[in-house]
């Protein structure tokens, strides 16, 4: 990779991470944000995309999402309110926070533009990227991950409904 392209790529990823840091709410005291927080996670994800595209690195589907994919509407082992709440918490840890009624949607346009720029630069490194992703198995793996996330979202909503219907007061 030419030196200028490498420098431009690094700058775009850093801009995306800095801009994204302004968009996310601060981490709750009981939730570790890691050294760089959500912005660092986003920048790392953008920066490692080419490695995943060529099949050198794979993301494992978290066990809680595998379970959700296999049977999103199962209540096996979830007899108590605490068990339901613990399952929702496990899904929240993987999926991120759930939808909150009445929450204001705020977006940092500069952050989103920096993120899109970083992704564009990184994704342009591999010629015929779409074909390469299909051949290496990266695209099918992403589709499998997306299906597991969809199942996890469905399971979380289902469990929250059961939790509400049972009159549970435990917190997520």
Protein backbone atom coordinates (compact mmCIF):
# COMPACT_ATOMS: atom_id res chain seq x y z
CA UNK A 1 0.00 0.00 0.00
CA UNK A 2 1.42 3.41 -0.88
CA UNK A 3 2.58 5.44 2.10
CA UNK A 4 0.17 8.33 1.38
CA UNK A 5 -2.83 5.99 1.24
CA UNK A 6 -1.80 4.41 4.54
CA UNK A 7 -1.53 7.83 6.20
CA UNK A 8 -4.87 8.94 4.75
CA UNK A 9 -6.51 5.70 5.94
CA UNK A 10 -5.16 6.10 9.47
CA UNK A 11 -6.30 9.73 9.58
CA UNK A 12 -9.80 8.82 8.41
CA UNK A 13 -10.13 6.07 11.01
CA UNK A 14 -8.94 8.40 13.76
CA UNK A 15 -11.34 11.13 12.63
CA UNK A 16 -14.20 8.64 12.63
CA UNK A 17 -13.33 7.46 16.12
CA UNK A 18 -12.97 11.00 17.50
CA UNK A 19 -16.22 12.12 15.91
CA UNK A 20 -18.09 9.04 17.08
CA UNK A 21 -16.91 9.64 20.62
CA UNK A 22 -19.05 12.79 20.62
CA UNK A 23 -22.21 10.95 19.55
CA UNK A 24 -22.36 8.16 22.13
CA UNK A 25 -23.72 8.77 25.61
CA UNK A 26 -21.21 8.26 28.42
CA UNK A 27 -20.87 4.70 29.68
CA UNK A 28 -22.82 3.82 32.77
CA UNK A 29 -20.66 3.30 35.84
CA UNK A 30 -21.41 -0.44 35.88
CA UNK A 31 -20.52 -0.87 32.19
CA UNK A 32 -16.82 -0.83 31.34
CA UNK A 33 -16.23 1.18 28.16
CA UNK A 34 -12.76 -0.16 27.61
CA UNK A 35 -9.70 1.98 27.02
CA UNK A 36 -11.05 3.79 23.96
CA UNK A 37 -14.77 3.24 24.45
CA UNK A 38 -17.29 2.85 21.66
CA UNK A 39 -15.39 5.14 19.29
CA UNK A 40 -12.28 2.98 19.56
CA UNK A 41 -14.35 -0.12 18.94
CA UNK A 42 -15.85 1.48 15.81
CA UNK A 43 -12.42 2.59 14.55
CA UNK A 44 -10.99 -0.89 15.16
CA UNK A 45 -13.91 -2.45 13.29
CA UNK A 46 -13.37 -0.13 10.31
CA UNK A 47 -9.60 -0.65 10.31
CA UNK A 48 -9.78 -4.45 10.45
CA UNK A 49 -12.42 -4.78 7.72
CA UNK A 50 -9.90 -5.61 4.93
CA UNK A 51 -8.47 -8.44 7.04
CA UNK A 52 -11.98 -9.90 7.42
CA UNK A 53 -12.72 -9.32 3.72
CA UNK A 54 -9.87 -11.59 2.60
CA UNK A 55 -10.74 -14.24 5.17
CA UNK A 56 -7.73 -13.82 7.46
CA UNK A 57 -9.90 -12.95 10.46
CA UNK A 58 -13.39 -14.01 11.43
CA UNK A 59 -15.82 -12.71 14.02
CA UNK A 60 -17.34 -15.39 16.20
CA UNK A 61 -21.07 -15.23 16.85
CA UNK A 62 -21.56 -14.78 20.61
CA UNK A 63 -23.17 -17.83 22.30
CA UNK A 64 -26.20 -15.81 23.44
CA UNK A 65 -26.94 -14.99 19.77
CA UNK A 66 -26.41 -18.61 18.69
CA UNK A 67 -28.98 -19.62 21.33
CA UNK A 68 -31.38 -16.93 20.08
CA UNK A 69 -30.91 -18.03 16.47
CA UNK A 70 -31.69 -21.66 17.34
CA UNK A 71 -34.93 -20.86 19.21
CA UNK A 72 -35.74 -17.16 19.76
CA UNK A 73 -39.04 -17.86 21.55
CA UNK A 74 -37.88 -20.50 24.03
CA UNK A 75 -38.59 -20.03 27.72
CA UNK A 76 -36.60 -23.10 28.76
CA UNK A 77 -34.88 -22.39 32.09
CA UNK A 78 -36.48 -18.95 32.39
CA UNK A 79 -39.07 -19.53 35.11
CA UNK A 80 -38.28 -16.56 37.37
CA UNK A 81 -38.28 -12.83 36.79
CA UNK A 82 -34.58 -12.71 37.65
CA UNK A 83 -33.79 -15.39 35.05
CA UNK A 84 -35.69 -13.41 32.40
CA UNK A 85 -33.89 -10.20 33.38
CA UNK A 86 -30.49 -11.94 33.27
CA UNK A 87 -31.19 -13.23 29.77
CA UNK A 88 -32.20 -9.73 28.59
CA UNK A 89 -29.03 -8.31 30.20
CA UNK A 90 -26.92 -10.89 28.34
CA UNK A 91 -28.56 -9.86 25.06
CA UNK A 92 -28.08 -6.16 25.89
CA UNK A 93 -24.38 -6.78 26.46
CA UNK A 94 -24.05 -8.13 22.90
CA UNK A 95 -26.66 -6.06 21.04
CA UNK A 96 -26.28 -2.75 22.83
CA UNK A 97 -29.05 -0.84 24.56
CA UNK A 98 -32.66 -1.55 23.63
CA UNK A 99 -35.11 0.93 22.18
CA UNK A 100 -36.36 3.46 24.72
CA UNK A 101 -39.79 5.01 24.23
CA UNK A 102 -39.61 8.79 24.10
CA UNK A 103 -35.82 8.94 23.80
CA UNK A 104 -34.56 11.74 21.61
CA UNK A 105 -32.61 10.72 18.54
CA UNK A 106 -29.49 12.81 18.15
CA UNK A 107 -26.90 12.31 15.46
CA UNK A 108 -23.55 13.94 14.95
CA UNK A 109 -23.42 14.61 11.21
CA UNK A 110 -19.67 15.25 11.26
CA UNK A 111 -19.12 11.96 13.06
CA UNK A 112 -21.21 10.05 10.54
CA UNK A 113 -19.38 11.71 7.63
CA UNK A 114 -16.00 10.85 9.15
CA UNK A 115 -17.12 7.26 9.69
CA UNK A 116 -18.38 6.98 6.10
CA UNK A 117 -15.11 8.47 4.81
CA UNK A 118 -13.06 6.03 6.85
CA UNK A 119 -15.12 3.08 5.60
CA UNK A 120 -14.86 4.27 1.99
CA UNK A 121 -11.08 4.55 2.15
CA UNK A 122 -10.64 1.22 3.90
CA UNK A 123 -13.07 -0.59 1.60
CA UNK A 124 -11.36 0.79 -1.51
CA UNK A 125 -8.12 -0.99 -0.62
CA UNK A 126 -9.35 -4.31 -2.05
CA UNK A 127 -10.23 -4.31 -5.75
CA UNK A 128 -13.43 -6.24 -6.59
CA UNK A 129 -14.23 -6.26 -2.88
CA UNK A 130 -17.71 -7.79 -3.23
CA UNK A 131 -16.43 -10.74 -5.25
CA UNK A 132 -13.46 -11.23 -2.92
CA UNK A 133 -15.82 -11.28 0.08
CA UNK A 134 -17.99 -13.96 -1.52
CA UNK A 135 -15.02 -16.14 -2.50
CA UNK A 136 -13.32 -15.90 0.90
CA UNK A 137 -16.54 -16.53 2.83
CA UNK A 138 -16.59 -13.11 4.49
CA UNK A 139 -19.94 -12.13 2.95
CA UNK A 140 -21.74 -15.35 3.98
CA UNK A 141 -20.25 -15.00 7.47
CA UNK A 142 -21.61 -11.44 7.69
CA UNK A 143 -25.03 -12.64 6.55
CA UNK A 144 -24.94 -15.35 9.24
CA UNK A 145 -23.95 -12.77 11.88
CA UNK A 146 -26.76 -10.44 10.73
CA UNK A 147 -29.29 -13.29 10.98
CA UNK A 148 -28.08 -14.07 14.51
CA UNK A 149 -28.38 -10.37 15.48
CA UNK A 150 -31.93 -10.27 14.05
CA UNK A 151 -32.82 -13.36 16.11
CA UNK A 152 -31.26 -11.74 19.18
CA UNK A 153 -33.36 -8.61 18.68
CA UNK A 154 -36.51 -10.72 18.31
CA UNK A 155 -35.62 -12.74 21.41
CA UNK A 156 -34.94 -9.64 23.49
CA UNK A 157 -38.30 -8.14 22.52
CA UNK A 158 -40.06 -11.42 23.25
CA UNK A 159 -38.41 -11.79 26.65
CA UNK A 160 -39.18 -8.20 27.58
CA UNK A 161 -42.84 -8.86 26.71
CA UNK A 162 -42.91 -12.01 28.85
CA UNK A 163 -41.20 -10.07 31.66
CA UNK A 164 -43.87 -7.37 31.44
CA UNK A 165 -46.77 -9.85 31.17
CA UNK A 166 -45.59 -11.69 34.28
CA UNK A 167 -45.56 -8.40 36.21
CA UNK A 168 -41.85 -8.62 36.93
CA UNK A 169 -40.16 -5.62 38.55
CA UNK A 170 -36.54 -6.69 38.04
CA UNK A 171 -34.36 -4.25 36.10
CA UNK A 172 -32.43 -4.88 32.92
